[in-house]
Amino acid sequence: MSAAIDNLPPLREVIARHELAARKSLGQNFLLDLNLTRKIARAAMPWMGPAVVEIGPGPGGLTRALLLEGAPRVIAIERDERCLAALSELAAAAEGRLKLHPGDAMETDIAELTPPPWQIVANLPYNIATPLILGWLKRVECFTRITVLVQKEVAERLAAAPGSKSYGRLSVAAQWRCRARMLFDIGPKAFVPPPKVTSTLVELEPREKPLAEADPAKLEKITAAAFNQRRKMLRAALKPLWPDSDAKLTLAGIDPTRRAETLSIEEFCALARLL
């Protein structure tokens, strides 16, 4: 089965034959080096659940790697109709292990494609990476693992610890429900066309239960208020939520003069429980 995939034409030839010039409007930066795509696939192992879901496969570089590294079944969601012919050739070589879904990942319910649990592995388009991840975090109990290549700045925000300049709303949302880990960087020259920034492979592994008890909507409301004015003391940043913010913070055991980036996720949860 791998032999049929190995015998496919090189990706650069596929791109030229199908005239697949990357489109900036779709956030496309193709990763063609099979050594790198196989490194990503191996980092995502072991394979868990009925299928691996890939977002934005483009000409199929990472898709090939997932299949070559033994992913039992890959579901590839691609909105660019130009890429579907190239991906169909790969699907034929994969002999039933690759299912193509034409459509926008932002509007696709994975549950309609395959039952949970899901494993995501993808080189995410920069322009939709954060909203996609935030959407997945809201139903993280349906996932086994999320391994995605994103802009390094986004990876740093996902994995940031309290007290760092990257720590913010995305850090709290991700780490409340997942263990976030940055795996390795890939420089701009590896992509076609080269982006202006470095990319980082990041892993989100769902926790068995959240770090602390909190209602998701209330936690989001607290972190939004706190980080929207991150340079201000919490007593001022949380005034729109609580006119008596000093008393609420004190009740939660938090010094009102602290700033948002110093709070642990557990402390944010304590404030969410007071809403």
Protein backbone atom coordinates (compact mmCIF):
# COMPACT_ATOMS: atom_id res chain seq x y z
CA MET A 1 0.00 0.00 0.00
CA SER A 2 2.86 2.41 0.84
CA ALA A 3 4.52 1.46 -2.46
CA ALA A 4 1.63 2.98 -4.43
CA ILE A 5 2.03 6.25 -2.54
CA ASP A 6 5.83 6.18 -2.88
CA ASN A 7 5.42 5.85 -6.65
CA LEU A 8 3.35 9.03 -6.96
CA PRO A 9 5.05 11.97 -8.74
CA PRO A 10 7.00 14.48 -6.59
CA LEU A 11 4.83 17.19 -5.05
CA ARG A 12 6.47 19.97 -7.08
CA GLU A 13 5.46 18.11 -10.26
CA VAL A 14 1.91 17.69 -8.94
CA ILE A 15 1.71 21.40 -8.12
CA ALA A 16 2.96 22.39 -11.58
CA ARG A 17 0.66 19.97 -13.42
CA HIS A 18 -2.44 21.15 -11.53
CA GLU A 19 -1.33 24.83 -11.46
CA LEU A 20 -1.62 24.99 -7.68
CA ALA A 21 0.02 28.32 -6.95
CA ALA A 22 -0.54 29.03 -3.23
CA ARG A 23 -3.19 31.66 -2.56
CA LYS A 24 -2.59 34.26 0.12
CA SER A 25 -6.35 34.71 0.57
CA LEU A 26 -6.57 31.08 1.73
CA GLY A 27 -3.54 31.36 4.01
CA GLN A 28 -1.74 28.72 1.93
CA ASN A 29 1.94 27.92 2.49
CA PHE A 30 2.70 24.46 1.13
CA LEU A 31 5.17 22.20 2.96
CA LEU A 32 6.76 19.92 0.39
CA ASP A 33 9.75 18.35 2.16
CA LEU A 34 8.68 14.76 2.87
CA ASN A 35 11.31 14.47 5.61
CA LEU A 36 9.61 17.32 7.50
CA THR A 37 6.06 16.16 6.87
CA ARG A 38 6.95 12.65 8.05
CA LYS A 39 8.58 14.19 11.13
CA ILE A 40 5.26 15.93 11.87
CA ALA A 41 3.35 12.69 11.34
CA ARG A 42 5.66 10.76 13.67
CA ALA A 43 5.30 13.49 16.32
CA ALA A 44 1.53 12.99 16.23
CA MET A 45 1.74 9.25 16.87
CA PRO A 46 0.47 6.94 18.22
CA TRP A 47 -2.65 6.94 16.08
CA MET A 48 -5.76 7.10 18.23
CA GLY A 49 -9.42 6.86 17.35
CA PRO A 50 -11.15 5.86 14.12
CA ALA A 51 -9.59 8.56 11.93
CA VAL A 52 -7.02 11.33 11.65
CA VAL A 53 -8.59 14.60 10.52
CA GLU A 54 -6.41 16.94 8.45
CA ILE A 55 -7.35 20.56 7.73
CA GLY A 56 -6.23 22.22 4.50
CA PRO A 57 -4.12 19.46 2.93
CA GLY A 58 -3.43 21.52 -0.21
CA PRO A 59 -1.50 19.35 -2.69
CA GLY A 60 -1.23 16.59 -0.08
CA GLY A 61 2.29 16.78 1.35
CA LEU A 62 1.35 16.09 4.96
CA THR A 63 -1.43 13.76 3.80
CA ARG A 64 1.14 11.53 2.09
CA ALA A 65 3.25 11.52 5.24
CA LEU A 66 0.31 10.53 7.46
CA LEU A 67 -0.50 7.61 5.18
CA LEU A 68 3.15 6.54 4.87
CA GLU A 69 3.51 6.61 8.66
CA GLY A 70 0.60 4.23 9.05
CA ALA A 71 -2.43 6.39 9.87
CA PRO A 72 -5.28 3.87 9.47
CA ARG A 73 -7.66 6.42 7.93
CA VAL A 74 -7.29 10.10 7.03
CA ILE A 75 -10.15 12.54 6.47
CA ALA A 76 -8.89 15.62 4.63
CA ILE A 77 -11.01 18.80 4.66
CA GLU A 78 -10.09 21.10 1.75
CA ARG A 79 -11.93 24.21 0.57
CA ASP A 80 -9.71 24.92 -2.45
CA GLU A 81 -11.35 23.12 -5.37
CA ARG A 82 -8.10 23.30 -7.39
CA CYS A 83 -6.44 20.86 -4.94
CA LEU A 84 -9.12 18.18 -5.13
CA ALA A 85 -7.89 16.62 -8.38
CA ALA A 86 -4.38 16.22 -6.98
CA LEU A 87 -5.75 14.81 -3.74
CA SER A 88 -7.96 12.39 -5.68
CA GLU A 89 -4.83 10.84 -7.19
CA LEU A 90 -3.48 10.34 -3.67
CA ALA A 91 -6.81 8.89 -2.52
CA ALA A 92 -6.67 6.32 -5.32
CA ALA A 93 -3.16 5.26 -4.26
CA ALA A 94 -4.28 5.09 -0.59
CA GLU A 95 -6.82 2.37 -1.43
CA GLY A 96 -9.64 3.49 0.86
CA ARG A 97 -7.57 5.03 3.66
CA LEU A 98 -8.10 8.64 2.50
CA LYS A 99 -11.49 10.35 2.43
CA LEU A 100 -11.76 13.81 0.88
CA HIS A 101 -14.27 16.35 2.16
CA PRO A 102 -14.62 19.48 -0.01
CA GLY A 103 -15.55 22.35 2.26
CA ASP A 104 -14.52 25.09 4.65
CA ALA A 105 -13.12 23.76 7.94
CA MET A 106 -14.62 26.75 9.75
CA GLU A 107 -18.09 25.61 8.68
CA THR A 108 -17.57 21.84 8.88
CA ASP A 109 -18.85 19.75 11.77
CA ILE A 110 -16.37 16.89 12.10
CA ALA A 111 -19.11 14.81 13.73
CA GLU A 112 -20.85 14.63 10.35
CA LEU A 113 -17.72 13.06 8.81
CA THR A 114 -16.71 10.54 11.46
CA PRO A 115 -17.73 9.65 15.03
CA PRO A 116 -15.51 10.80 17.92
CA PRO A 117 -12.94 10.54 19.31
CA TRP A 118 -10.99 12.58 16.76
CA GLN A 119 -7.29 13.16 16.25
CA ILE A 120 -6.31 16.34 14.42
CA VAL A 121 -3.02 16.63 12.53
CA ALA A 122 -2.62 19.64 10.26
CA ASN A 123 -0.54 22.43 8.83
CA LEU A 124 -3.16 25.05 9.63
CA PRO A 125 -3.64 28.14 7.46
CA TYR A 126 -2.40 31.06 9.55
CA ASN A 127 -5.58 33.08 9.04
CA ILE A 128 -7.91 30.54 10.66
CA ALA A 129 -5.63 28.72 13.13
CA THR A 130 -6.74 30.51 16.31
CA PRO A 131 -10.52 30.43 15.70
CA LEU A 132 -10.30 26.75 14.70
CA ILE A 133 -8.41 25.84 17.86
CA LEU A 134 -10.80 27.81 20.07
CA GLY A 135 -13.72 25.97 18.48
CA TRP A 136 -12.09 22.59 19.11
CA LEU A 137 -11.37 23.51 22.73
CA LYS A 138 -15.09 23.98 23.33
CA ARG A 139 -15.66 20.26 22.63
CA VAL A 140 -12.24 18.96 23.63
CA GLU A 141 -13.76 15.84 25.17
CA CYS A 142 -14.28 14.62 21.58
CA PHE A 143 -10.55 14.68 20.77
CA THR A 144 -7.68 12.33 21.56
CA ARG A 145 -4.94 14.77 20.55
CA ILE A 146 -4.48 17.90 18.42
CA THR A 147 -1.09 18.26 16.71
CA VAL A 148 -0.93 21.33 14.48
CA LEU A 149 1.64 23.50 12.76
CA VAL A 150 0.89 27.16 13.49
CA GLN A 151 2.59 30.52 13.53
CA LYS A 152 5.20 30.46 16.31
CA GLU A 153 3.52 33.36 18.09
CA VAL A 154 0.28 31.35 18.34
CA ALA A 155 2.15 28.29 19.66
CA GLU A 156 3.83 30.44 22.30
CA ARG A 157 0.47 31.82 23.40
CA LEU A 158 -1.03 28.33 23.63
CA ALA A 159 1.81 27.01 25.82
CA ALA A 160 2.71 30.18 27.78
CA ALA A 161 3.07 30.06 31.56
CA PRO A 162 1.75 32.76 33.92
CA GLY A 163 4.09 35.72 34.11
CA SER A 164 5.30 35.52 30.51
CA LYS A 165 4.51 38.12 27.87
CA SER A 166 2.72 35.53 25.71
CA TYR A 167 0.36 34.42 28.50
CA GLY A 168 -3.21 35.48 27.82
CA ARG A 169 -6.75 34.40 27.01
CA LEU A 170 -5.64 31.71 24.56
CA SER A 171 -3.23 30.26 27.14
CA VAL A 172 -5.98 29.97 29.74
CA ALA A 173 -8.53 28.53 27.29
CA ALA A 174 -6.08 25.90 26.04
CA GLN A 175 -4.41 24.88 29.28
CA TRP A 176 -7.60 24.75 31.34
CA ARG A 177 -8.66 21.71 29.31
CA CYS A 178 -5.39 20.50 27.71
CA ARG A 179 -1.69 20.00 28.24
CA ALA A 180 -0.02 22.26 25.69
CA ARG A 181 3.47 21.50 24.42
CA MET A 182 5.63 23.12 21.73
CA LEU A 183 7.43 20.36 19.79
CA PHE A 184 9.72 21.92 17.17
CA ASP A 185 10.09 24.88 14.80
CA ILE A 186 10.10 24.92 11.00
CA GLY A 187 11.70 27.90 9.28
CA PRO A 188 10.14 29.92 6.44
CA LYS A 189 12.40 28.47 3.73
CA ALA A 190 10.75 25.06 4.08
CA PHE A 191 7.47 26.42 2.67
CA VAL A 192 6.24 27.44 -0.78
CA PRO A 193 5.88 30.38 -0.77
CA PRO A 194 8.04 31.18 2.29
CA PRO A 195 6.02 33.00 4.99
CA LYS A 196 7.54 35.91 6.88
CA VAL A 197 7.46 34.04 10.20
CA THR A 198 8.62 30.78 11.76
CA SER A 199 6.11 27.99 12.27
CA THR A 200 5.92 25.72 15.32
CA LEU A 201 4.38 22.30 15.78
CA VAL A 202 2.29 22.34 18.94
CA GLU A 203 0.50 19.50 20.71
CA LEU A 204 -2.71 19.81 22.71
CA GLU A 205 -3.51 16.72 24.75
CA PRO A 206 -6.92 16.83 26.49
CA ARG A 207 -6.89 16.45 30.28
CA GLU A 208 -9.13 13.86 31.89
CA LYS A 209 -10.83 16.76 33.66
CA PRO A 210 -10.31 20.56 33.68
CA LEU A 211 -7.61 22.02 35.90
CA ALA A 212 -10.27 23.53 38.17
CA GLU A 213 -14.04 23.83 38.28
CA ALA A 214 -15.48 26.67 36.22
CA ASP A 215 -18.25 27.44 33.76
CA PRO A 216 -16.62 27.89 30.31
CA ALA A 217 -18.62 31.00 29.39
CA LYS A 218 -17.89 32.67 32.72
CA LEU A 219 -14.20 31.78 32.52
CA GLU A 220 -14.06 33.31 29.05
CA LYS A 221 -15.82 36.43 30.33
CA ILE A 222 -13.36 36.84 33.21
CA THR A 223 -10.26 36.35 31.06
CA ALA A 224 -11.60 38.72 28.39
CA ALA A 225 -12.10 41.49 30.93
CA ALA A 226 -8.79 40.87 32.66
CA PHE A 227 -6.60 40.68 29.54
CA ASN A 228 -8.34 43.40 27.55
CA GLN A 229 -6.67 45.81 29.97
CA ARG A 230 -3.66 43.69 30.90
CA ARG A 231 -1.51 46.64 31.94
CA LYS A 232 -4.04 47.68 34.56
CA MET A 233 -4.38 46.23 38.03
CA LEU A 234 -7.14 43.65 38.30
CA ARG A 235 -9.21 45.94 40.53
CA ALA A 236 -9.52 48.32 37.56
CA ALA A 237 -9.69 45.75 34.76
CA LEU A 238 -12.59 43.90 36.41
CA LYS A 239 -14.62 47.00 37.32
CA PRO A 240 -16.96 46.51 34.31
CA LEU A 241 -17.90 43.10 35.75
CA TRP A 242 -17.86 44.03 39.43
CA PRO A 243 -18.19 47.57 40.78
CA ASP A 244 -16.93 46.05 44.07
CA SER A 245 -13.99 44.33 42.35
CA ASP A 246 -11.69 44.77 45.38
CA ALA A 247 -14.07 42.78 47.57
CA LYS A 248 -14.55 40.02 44.97
CA LEU A 249 -10.81 39.64 44.40
CA THR A 250 -10.15 39.53 48.12
CA LEU A 251 -12.87 36.90 48.52
CA ALA A 252 -11.05 34.78 45.93
CA GLY A 253 -7.77 35.24 47.82
CA ILE A 254 -6.27 37.43 45.08
CA ASP A 255 -4.49 40.73 45.71
CA PRO A 256 -6.48 43.43 43.80
CA THR A 257 -3.23 45.13 42.76
CA ARG A 258 -2.05 42.13 40.71
CA ARG A 259 -2.22 42.10 36.91
CA ALA A 260 -3.87 39.49 34.71
CA GLU A 261 -0.68 37.88 33.42
CA THR A 262 0.32 36.89 36.98
CA LEU A 263 -2.79 34.82 37.71
CA SER A 264 -2.75 31.04 37.45
CA ILE A 265 -5.51 29.25 35.58
CA GLU A 266 -6.84 27.98 38.90
CA GLU A 267 -7.13 31.59 40.13
CA PHE A 268 -9.05 32.59 37.00
CA CYS A 269 -11.38 29.66 37.66
CA ALA A 270 -11.92 30.87 41.22
CA LEU A 271 -12.97 34.26 39.87
CA ALA A 272 -15.26 32.62 37.29
CA ARG A 273 -17.03 30.77 40.11
CA LEU A 274 -17.83 34.12 41.73
CA LEU A 275 -19.58 35.48 38.63
